[in-house]
Amino acid sequence: MSSSTPTTAPAESRTHTPAAPGRSDVVIVGAGIIGLAHAFEALSKGLSVTVVDRDRRPVGASVRNFGHCCISAQDGELLALAQRSRPGWLRAAEAAGIWAAEAGTLVVARSATEAAVLEELRAERGGDAVELRTAAQTAALLGRADGAAGDLVGGALLPADLRVNPREAAPGLARWVVEQPQGRILWGTAVTGVESGTVHTTRGQVHGDRILICVGHDLDYLFPDIAEDHGVQRCRLTMARAEAPAGFRTDSAVLTATSMLRYDAFTSRPSAAGLREEVLGHSAELLEIGANVMFTRLPDGAVLVGDSHHYDATTPPFIDERTYELLIGAVAEVLGVERLRILERWQGVYASSPRGPLLVRDLAPGVRAISVTSGIGMTLSFGLAAATFDGTLAPTA
């Protein structure tokens, strides 16, 4: 055997893959953050849980994102669901030993119009939910050299938002699940069919009183008619991990004007229409690639930067280098540095639909599909789980 050949499998793939899957109170298809949040909630209520996943560790949308629980950027019913998700995240983080920083979000304003959107949000939500910052305070939080404000006009801190490490959160929750006496995960197990009380898999039948299908954009592999009816697409993201500039140390997520054009809390403000025209005037290329110029710092100090958005039923594997250049250059501008040293690049992916941010469908008695069809799965995960088990999560149209 070569010395480079691993002699043991990763911890996730060694856990709980019995020959006879058996029965559980709840069977969850999909070990992404939505499925694992439901597993956490069910186990916390004393129910037995089996999670089934075709991969051998979380590798999808749940580990490819910013780790940003963007609670304050939501509006209406989604805001209520996101607010309910927050305590769930904190409970799960404590139980599973996951890093979850109550660090909030810094929204940067680089024009009077951007500042107006933030002031209007503060007028509605109040000063405790939206804490305005001066240009100098914003520059300090960004770690700009000598506190140089440069093109900054101001900013706002949204203190309710959470930060998690996307590369550790879902794997950490998965470890917690299999450490529970009534929890198990069948890794490397593909689902071939679902009916009331039974999930058919490549390892045999798994039986459960309640079956939850939490496979995100891959719903079309199991239930293509349901996915097509909801208009489910795959949204491909262009993302990277960069070396942090020397002065940037905040754990807050950082959003910019392009972010304000993508989240309902900002787009519903009176100044939002003017902001879109303004951004179109100076950064049309960013809007063409569906940019959300934002970044978050990992606990090791590296910075996740991105992202662009490309929508299609099937995700093409090719990414234009110009997309990376635009995003990385825009992030560098906000940080006040000439360039960023990129350490790693990848494609993110999540489910998206023009018909709404959530898909909740009852497929058969005791069988429900739950997908977040927008980019806020991390944000809503534990709120959805809580609503599922108290019976308040209603099917979507």
Protein backbone atom coordinates (compact mmCIF):
# COMPACT_ATOMS: atom_id res chain seq x y z
CA MET A 1 0.00 0.00 0.00
CA SER A 2 1.28 3.46 -0.87
CA SER A 3 2.17 5.63 2.11
CA SER A 4 -0.14 8.31 0.68
CA THR A 5 -3.16 6.02 0.75
CA PRO A 6 -5.43 6.74 3.74
CA THR A 7 -5.91 3.72 5.99
CA THR A 8 -9.13 5.00 7.57
CA ALA A 9 -12.18 6.71 6.16
CA PRO A 10 -13.20 10.21 7.28
CA ALA A 11 -15.19 10.23 10.52
CA GLU A 12 -18.39 11.14 8.69
CA SER A 13 -18.21 8.07 6.43
CA ARG A 14 -17.44 5.64 9.26
CA THR A 15 -20.57 6.39 11.24
CA HIS A 16 -23.77 4.39 11.31
CA THR A 17 -24.11 2.55 8.01
CA PRO A 18 -25.81 -0.67 9.13
CA ALA A 19 -26.65 -3.51 6.76
CA ALA A 20 -30.33 -3.44 7.77
CA PRO A 21 -31.46 0.22 7.91
CA GLY A 22 -34.62 -0.52 9.95
CA ARG A 23 -37.12 2.06 11.25
CA SER A 24 -37.03 5.54 12.79
CA ASP A 25 -39.63 8.06 13.87
CA VAL A 26 -38.26 10.47 11.25
CA VAL A 27 -36.35 9.69 8.05
CA ILE A 28 -34.60 12.66 6.43
CA VAL A 29 -33.28 12.50 2.89
CA GLY A 30 -30.36 14.90 2.55
CA ALA A 31 -27.56 15.75 4.99
CA GLY A 32 -27.29 19.40 4.05
CA ILE A 33 -28.02 22.17 6.54
CA ILE A 34 -31.81 21.93 6.07
CA GLY A 35 -31.85 18.19 6.66
CA LEU A 36 -29.43 18.37 9.59
CA ALA A 37 -31.37 21.21 11.23
CA HIS A 38 -34.48 19.02 11.07
CA ALA A 39 -32.49 16.11 12.49
CA PHE A 40 -31.30 18.31 15.37
CA GLU A 41 -34.83 19.50 16.12
CA ALA A 42 -36.28 15.99 15.98
CA LEU A 43 -33.59 14.49 18.21
CA SER A 44 -34.00 17.36 20.65
CA LYS A 45 -37.66 16.38 20.93
CA GLY A 46 -36.77 12.77 21.74
CA LEU A 47 -37.57 11.33 18.32
CA SER A 48 -35.42 8.74 16.58
CA VAL A 49 -33.88 9.93 13.31
CA THR A 50 -32.23 8.38 10.27
CA VAL A 51 -30.60 10.70 7.74
CA VAL A 52 -29.83 9.32 4.28
CA ASP A 53 -27.30 10.95 1.96
CA ARG A 54 -25.71 9.75 -1.27
CA ASP A 55 -22.36 11.41 -0.47
CA ARG A 56 -19.99 10.53 2.36
CA ARG A 57 -19.87 13.96 3.93
CA PRO A 58 -21.60 17.33 3.32
CA VAL A 59 -20.26 18.67 0.02
CA GLY A 60 -23.11 20.72 -1.46
CA ALA A 61 -24.63 24.13 -0.92
CA SER A 62 -24.20 23.93 2.86
CA VAL A 63 -20.38 24.00 2.76
CA ARG A 64 -19.90 26.25 -0.29
CA ASN A 65 -21.44 29.46 1.04
CA PHE A 66 -20.46 32.44 3.21
CA GLY A 67 -21.67 31.02 6.52
CA HIS A 68 -23.83 34.13 6.80
CA CYS A 69 -27.13 33.87 8.68
CA CYS A 70 -28.55 37.07 7.21
CA ILE A 71 -31.52 37.50 9.49
CA SER A 72 -31.93 41.28 9.32
CA ALA A 73 -31.86 41.39 5.51
CA GLN A 74 -35.17 39.48 5.33
CA ASP A 75 -38.62 41.02 5.36
CA GLY A 76 -42.17 39.94 6.14
CA GLU A 77 -42.76 36.21 6.75
CA LEU A 78 -39.15 35.35 5.92
CA LEU A 79 -37.94 37.76 8.59
CA ALA A 80 -40.11 36.03 11.19
CA LEU A 81 -38.81 32.64 10.08
CA ALA A 82 -35.20 33.87 10.13
CA GLN A 83 -35.64 35.33 13.61
CA ARG A 84 -36.95 31.98 14.76
CA SER A 85 -33.92 30.30 13.21
CA ARG A 86 -31.46 32.33 15.28
CA PRO A 87 -31.99 30.64 18.68
CA GLY A 88 -31.99 27.26 16.94
CA TRP A 89 -28.56 27.97 15.50
CA LEU A 90 -27.25 29.04 18.89
CA ARG A 91 -28.62 25.94 20.61
CA ALA A 92 -27.18 23.66 17.95
CA ALA A 93 -23.83 25.43 18.04
CA GLU A 94 -23.56 24.96 21.78
CA ALA A 95 -24.61 21.31 21.62
CA ALA A 96 -22.36 20.39 18.70
CA GLY A 97 -19.41 22.64 19.53
CA ILE A 98 -19.81 24.72 16.36
CA TRP A 99 -18.39 28.23 16.04
CA ALA A 100 -21.32 30.66 15.81
CA ALA A 101 -20.43 34.31 16.29
CA GLU A 102 -23.09 36.83 17.22
CA ALA A 103 -21.10 39.29 15.13
CA GLY A 104 -23.82 40.92 13.07
CA THR A 105 -23.49 42.30 9.57
CA LEU A 106 -21.75 45.47 8.46
CA VAL A 107 -23.47 47.10 5.48
CA VAL A 108 -21.12 49.55 3.79
CA ALA A 109 -22.42 52.79 2.26
CA ARG A 110 -20.27 54.43 -0.42
CA SER A 111 -22.81 56.97 -1.66
CA ALA A 112 -25.56 59.18 -0.30
CA THR A 113 -28.16 56.90 -1.92
CA GLU A 114 -26.75 53.81 -0.24
CA ALA A 115 -26.74 55.65 3.08
CA ALA A 116 -30.36 56.69 2.51
CA VAL A 117 -31.45 53.06 2.13
CA LEU A 118 -29.82 52.24 5.47
CA GLU A 119 -31.39 55.26 7.16
CA GLU A 120 -34.82 54.25 5.86
CA LEU A 121 -34.34 50.72 7.18
CA ARG A 122 -33.35 52.14 10.57
CA ALA A 123 -36.45 54.36 10.58
CA GLU A 124 -38.63 51.28 10.20
CA ARG A 125 -36.75 48.74 12.34
CA GLY A 126 -35.35 51.04 15.03
CA GLY A 127 -31.88 51.87 16.27
CA ASP A 128 -31.38 48.59 18.13
CA ALA A 129 -31.86 46.56 14.95
CA VAL A 130 -29.99 48.93 12.63
CA GLU A 131 -27.04 50.75 14.20
CA LEU A 132 -25.77 53.48 11.87
CA ARG A 133 -22.01 53.96 11.59
CA THR A 134 -19.97 56.95 10.43
CA ALA A 135 -17.49 56.70 7.58
CA ALA A 136 -14.61 56.63 10.05
CA GLN A 137 -16.23 53.88 12.14
CA THR A 138 -16.91 51.83 9.00
CA ALA A 139 -13.32 52.28 7.83
CA ALA A 140 -12.05 51.05 11.20
CA LEU A 141 -14.25 47.95 11.04
CA LEU A 142 -12.95 47.21 7.55
CA GLY A 143 -9.38 47.56 8.77
CA ARG A 144 -8.52 50.22 6.22
CA ALA A 145 -4.98 51.51 6.54
CA ASP A 146 -4.76 54.45 8.96
CA GLY A 147 -8.54 54.44 9.16
CA ALA A 148 -8.78 56.10 5.74
CA ALA A 149 -12.45 56.52 4.89
CA GLY A 150 -11.76 57.25 1.24
CA ASP A 151 -15.01 56.79 -0.69
CA LEU A 152 -16.97 55.65 2.37
CA VAL A 153 -20.02 57.65 3.37
CA GLY A 154 -21.08 55.55 6.32
CA GLY A 155 -22.59 52.19 7.09
CA ALA A 156 -24.82 50.23 9.41
CA LEU A 157 -24.34 47.29 11.75
CA LEU A 158 -27.16 44.74 11.85
CA PRO A 159 -26.40 43.09 15.21
CA ALA A 160 -28.92 40.23 15.05
CA ASP A 161 -27.10 38.39 12.27
CA LEU A 162 -24.95 35.33 12.98
CA ARG A 163 -21.77 33.99 11.46
CA VAL A 164 -20.86 30.31 11.21
CA ASN A 165 -18.01 28.52 9.46
CA PRO A 166 -19.66 26.85 6.45
CA ARG A 167 -16.87 24.29 6.20
CA GLU A 168 -17.46 23.08 9.75
CA ALA A 169 -21.12 23.77 10.58
CA ALA A 170 -22.81 20.97 8.62
CA PRO A 171 -20.04 18.40 9.32
CA GLY A 172 -20.18 19.33 13.01
CA LEU A 173 -23.94 18.86 13.13
CA ALA A 174 -23.60 15.53 11.33
CA ARG A 175 -21.13 14.33 13.97
CA TRP A 176 -23.54 15.41 16.71
CA VAL A 177 -26.42 13.51 15.08
CA VAL A 178 -24.57 10.19 15.04
CA GLU A 179 -23.37 10.71 18.62
CA GLN A 180 -26.98 10.63 19.82
CA PRO A 181 -28.41 7.25 20.84
CA GLN A 182 -31.39 7.73 18.53
CA GLY A 183 -29.56 9.34 15.63
CA ARG A 184 -27.79 7.84 12.64
CA ILE A 185 -26.69 8.83 9.16
CA LEU A 186 -26.49 6.45 6.23
CA TRP A 187 -23.66 7.98 4.19
CA GLY A 188 -22.96 6.81 0.66
CA THR A 189 -26.58 5.72 0.32
CA ALA A 190 -28.58 6.79 -2.72
CA VAL A 191 -32.37 7.07 -2.59
CA THR A 192 -34.20 5.34 -5.43
CA GLY A 193 -37.79 6.02 -4.40
CA VAL A 194 -40.04 7.30 -1.64
CA GLU A 195 -43.53 6.32 -0.55
CA SER A 196 -45.54 6.65 2.64
CA GLY A 197 -43.57 5.06 5.46
CA THR A 198 -40.68 3.88 3.30
CA VAL A 199 -37.56 5.27 1.64
CA HIS A 200 -36.06 2.89 -0.91
CA THR A 201 -32.27 3.11 -0.97
CA THR A 202 -29.27 1.34 -2.44
CA ARG A 203 -28.79 -0.25 1.01
CA GLY A 204 -32.35 -1.45 1.35
CA GLN A 205 -35.53 0.03 2.73
CA VAL A 206 -35.57 2.63 5.49
CA HIS A 207 -38.88 2.93 7.29
CA GLY A 208 -40.20 5.94 9.15
CA ASP A 209 -43.43 7.40 10.43
CA ARG A 210 -42.46 10.74 8.92
CA ILE A 211 -40.28 11.33 5.86
CA LEU A 212 -38.72 14.68 5.00
CA ILE A 213 -37.08 15.27 1.62
CA CYS A 214 -34.44 17.98 2.11
CA VAL A 215 -32.29 17.74 -1.01
CA GLY A 216 -32.39 21.34 -2.22
CA HIS A 217 -31.78 21.75 -5.95
CA ASP A 218 -31.51 17.98 -6.40
CA LEU A 219 -35.26 17.59 -5.87
CA ASP A 220 -35.57 17.08 -9.63
CA TYR A 221 -33.65 13.79 -9.34
CA LEU A 222 -36.38 12.31 -7.14
CA PHE A 223 -39.50 14.30 -8.00
CA PRO A 224 -38.96 16.04 -11.35
CA ASP A 225 -42.61 17.01 -11.78
CA ILE A 226 -42.69 18.79 -8.42
CA ALA A 227 -39.39 20.56 -9.12
CA GLU A 228 -40.54 21.66 -12.57
CA ASP A 229 -43.90 22.83 -11.24
CA HIS A 230 -42.07 25.10 -8.79
CA GLY A 231 -39.55 26.20 -11.42
CA VAL A 232 -36.55 24.93 -9.45
CA GLN A 233 -33.22 25.86 -11.00
CA ARG A 234 -29.62 25.60 -9.91
CA CYS A 235 -27.96 28.87 -9.05
CA ARG A 236 -24.20 28.70 -9.58
CA LEU A 237 -22.04 31.03 -7.50
CA THR A 238 -18.50 32.18 -8.20
CA MET A 239 -16.62 32.24 -4.89
CA ALA A 240 -13.09 32.32 -3.53
CA ARG A 241 -11.08 32.22 -0.32
CA ALA A 242 -8.53 35.00 0.06
CA GLU A 243 -5.77 35.98 2.44
CA ALA A 244 -7.14 38.72 4.69
CA PRO A 245 -5.57 42.18 4.55
CA ALA A 246 -3.54 42.87 7.68
CA GLY A 247 -6.09 45.15 9.33
CA PHE A 248 -9.29 43.23 8.58
CA ARG A 249 -10.31 41.30 11.68
CA THR A 250 -14.06 41.75 12.11
CA ASP A 251 -16.23 38.63 12.32
CA SER A 252 -19.17 40.59 10.91
CA ALA A 253 -20.33 39.72 7.42
CA VAL A 254 -19.78 42.68 5.08
CA LEU A 255 -22.42 43.66 2.50
CA THR A 256 -22.31 46.35 -0.18
CA ALA A 257 -24.67 48.16 -2.55
CA THR A 258 -25.08 45.09 -4.75
CA SER A 259 -26.16 43.17 -1.64
CA MET A 260 -28.80 45.80 -0.94
CA LEU A 261 -30.24 45.11 -4.38
CA ARG A 262 -30.73 41.41 -3.57
CA TYR A 263 -32.35 41.33 -0.10
CA ASP A 264 -35.97 42.30 0.59
CA ALA A 265 -35.23 44.40 3.67
CA PHE A 266 -33.35 46.84 1.42
CA THR A 267 -35.26 46.53 -1.87
CA SER A 268 -38.50 47.52 -0.14
CA ARG A 269 -37.04 50.89 0.92
CA PRO A 270 -38.10 54.06 -0.99
CA SER A 271 -34.53 54.79 -2.11
CA ALA A 272 -33.94 51.29 -3.53
CA ALA A 273 -35.07 52.17 -7.07
CA GLY A 274 -32.65 55.08 -7.19
CA LEU A 275 -29.91 52.83 -5.85
CA ARG A 276 -30.37 50.35 -8.69
CA GLU A 277 -30.07 53.11 -11.26
CA GLU A 278 -26.99 54.43 -9.50
CA VAL A 279 -25.26 51.04 -9.41
CA LEU A 280 -26.21 50.41 -13.04
CA GLY A 281 -24.51 53.68 -13.91
CA HIS A 282 -21.14 52.88 -12.33
CA SER A 283 -21.04 49.05 -12.10
CA ALA A 284 -23.13 47.63 -14.92
CA GLU A 285 -20.78 44.66 -15.30
CA LEU A 286 -21.40 43.63 -11.70
CA LEU A 287 -25.15 43.62 -12.27
CA GLU A 288 -24.70 41.62 -15.48
CA ILE A 289 -23.09 38.77 -13.53
CA GLY A 290 -25.70 39.00 -10.77
CA ALA A 291 -23.09 40.12 -8.28
CA ASN A 292 -23.57 40.23 -4.55
CA VAL A 293 -20.24 41.77 -3.56
CA MET A 294 -19.76 40.58 0.00
CA PHE A 295 -17.19 38.88 2.20
CA THR A 296 -16.87 37.11 5.53
CA ARG A 297 -13.90 36.15 7.67
CA LEU A 298 -13.30 32.54 8.70
CA PRO A 299 -12.02 31.76 12.21
CA ASP A 300 -8.56 31.05 10.74
CA GLY A 301 -8.41 34.62 9.40
CA ALA A 302 -8.96 33.86 5.72
CA VAL A 303 -11.77 35.70 3.94
CA LEU A 304 -14.55 34.21 1.82
CA VAL A 305 -15.30 36.54 -1.10
CA GLY A 306 -17.91 36.57 -3.85
CA ASP A 307 -20.26 36.10 -5.42
CA SER A 308 -21.96 35.98 -8.82
CA HIS A 309 -25.19 34.24 -9.81
CA HIS A 310 -25.93 32.14 -12.89
CA TYR A 311 -29.26 30.32 -13.19
CA ASP A 312 -29.95 27.16 -15.17
CA ALA A 313 -31.64 23.79 -14.78
CA THR A 314 -28.23 22.14 -15.16
CA THR A 315 -25.09 23.90 -13.95
CA PRO A 316 -22.39 24.32 -16.60
CA PRO A 317 -18.87 23.61 -15.30
CA PHE A 318 -17.20 26.62 -16.95
CA ILE A 319 -16.61 30.00 -15.31
CA ASP A 320 -15.36 33.08 -17.12
CA GLU A 321 -12.17 34.41 -15.49
CA ARG A 322 -13.54 37.92 -15.92
CA THR A 323 -16.21 37.09 -13.36
CA TYR A 324 -13.55 36.37 -10.75
CA GLU A 325 -11.67 39.53 -11.66
CA LEU A 326 -14.75 41.70 -11.25
CA LEU A 327 -15.70 40.24 -7.88
CA ILE A 328 -12.21 40.20 -6.39
CA GLY A 329 -11.54 43.72 -7.62
CA ALA A 330 -14.79 44.99 -6.11
CA VAL A 331 -14.03 43.40 -2.73
CA ALA A 332 -10.50 44.86 -2.77
CA GLU A 333 -11.97 48.33 -3.38
CA VAL A 334 -14.24 48.07 -0.36
CA LEU A 335 -11.35 46.90 1.81
CA GLY A 336 -9.20 49.73 0.53
CA VAL A 337 -6.40 47.49 -0.78
CA GLU A 338 -4.82 47.21 -4.20
CA ARG A 339 -5.37 43.47 -4.59
CA LEU A 340 -6.25 40.29 -2.74
CA ARG A 341 -4.19 37.12 -2.71
CA ILE A 342 -6.53 34.29 -3.68
CA LEU A 343 -5.99 30.95 -1.96
CA GLU A 344 -8.81 28.87 -3.43
CA ARG A 345 -11.73 29.07 -5.85
CA TRP A 346 -14.90 27.06 -6.33
CA GLN A 347 -18.46 27.00 -7.57
CA GLY A 348 -21.17 27.40 -5.01
CA VAL A 349 -24.66 26.17 -5.79
CA TYR A 350 -28.15 26.44 -4.37
CA ALA A 351 -31.76 25.94 -5.41
CA SER A 352 -33.53 28.94 -6.87
CA SER A 353 -37.00 29.62 -8.23
CA PRO A 354 -38.70 32.71 -9.65
CA ARG A 355 -41.92 31.46 -8.05
CA GLY A 356 -40.90 31.93 -4.46
CA PRO A 357 -38.18 31.43 -1.84
CA LEU A 358 -39.62 28.23 -0.36
CA LEU A 359 -40.92 24.93 -1.65
CA VAL A 360 -42.95 22.95 0.87
CA ARG A 361 -44.97 20.11 -0.67
CA ASP A 362 -46.78 17.14 0.81
CA LEU A 363 -46.02 14.32 -1.63
CA ALA A 364 -47.85 11.48 0.10
CA PRO A 365 -49.23 10.86 3.59
CA GLY A 366 -46.33 11.46 5.96
CA VAL A 367 -43.95 12.53 3.15
CA ARG A 368 -42.97 16.19 2.72
CA ALA A 369 -40.41 17.94 0.50
CA ILE A 370 -38.76 21.07 1.93
CA SER A 371 -36.36 23.14 -0.18
CA VAL A 372 -35.21 26.73 0.22
CA THR A 373 -35.38 28.04 -3.33
CA SER A 374 -33.33 31.16 -2.71
CA GLY A 375 -29.91 31.81 -1.25
CA ILE A 376 -30.96 31.83 2.39
CA GLY A 377 -30.89 28.17 3.39
CA MET A 378 -28.34 28.75 6.16
CA THR A 379 -30.49 31.61 7.44
CA LEU A 380 -33.82 29.80 7.53
CA SER A 381 -32.72 26.25 8.37
CA PHE A 382 -33.50 26.05 12.07
CA GLY A 383 -36.60 28.22 11.74
CA LEU A 384 -37.97 25.81 9.15
CA ALA A 385 -37.15 22.86 11.39
CA ALA A 386 -38.93 24.41 14.37
CA ALA A 387 -41.99 25.22 12.25
CA THR A 388 -42.01 21.69 10.79
CA PHE A 389 -42.21 20.02 14.16
CA ASP A 390 -44.71 22.37 15.75
CA GLY A 391 -46.99 22.10 12.72
CA THR A 392 -46.88 25.74 11.65
CA LEU A 393 -44.99 25.26 8.35
CA ALA A 394 -47.72 25.33 5.74
CA PRO A 395 -47.34 23.92 2.22
CA THR A 396 -46.53 26.46 -0.46
CA ALA A 397 -48.60 26.88 -3.58
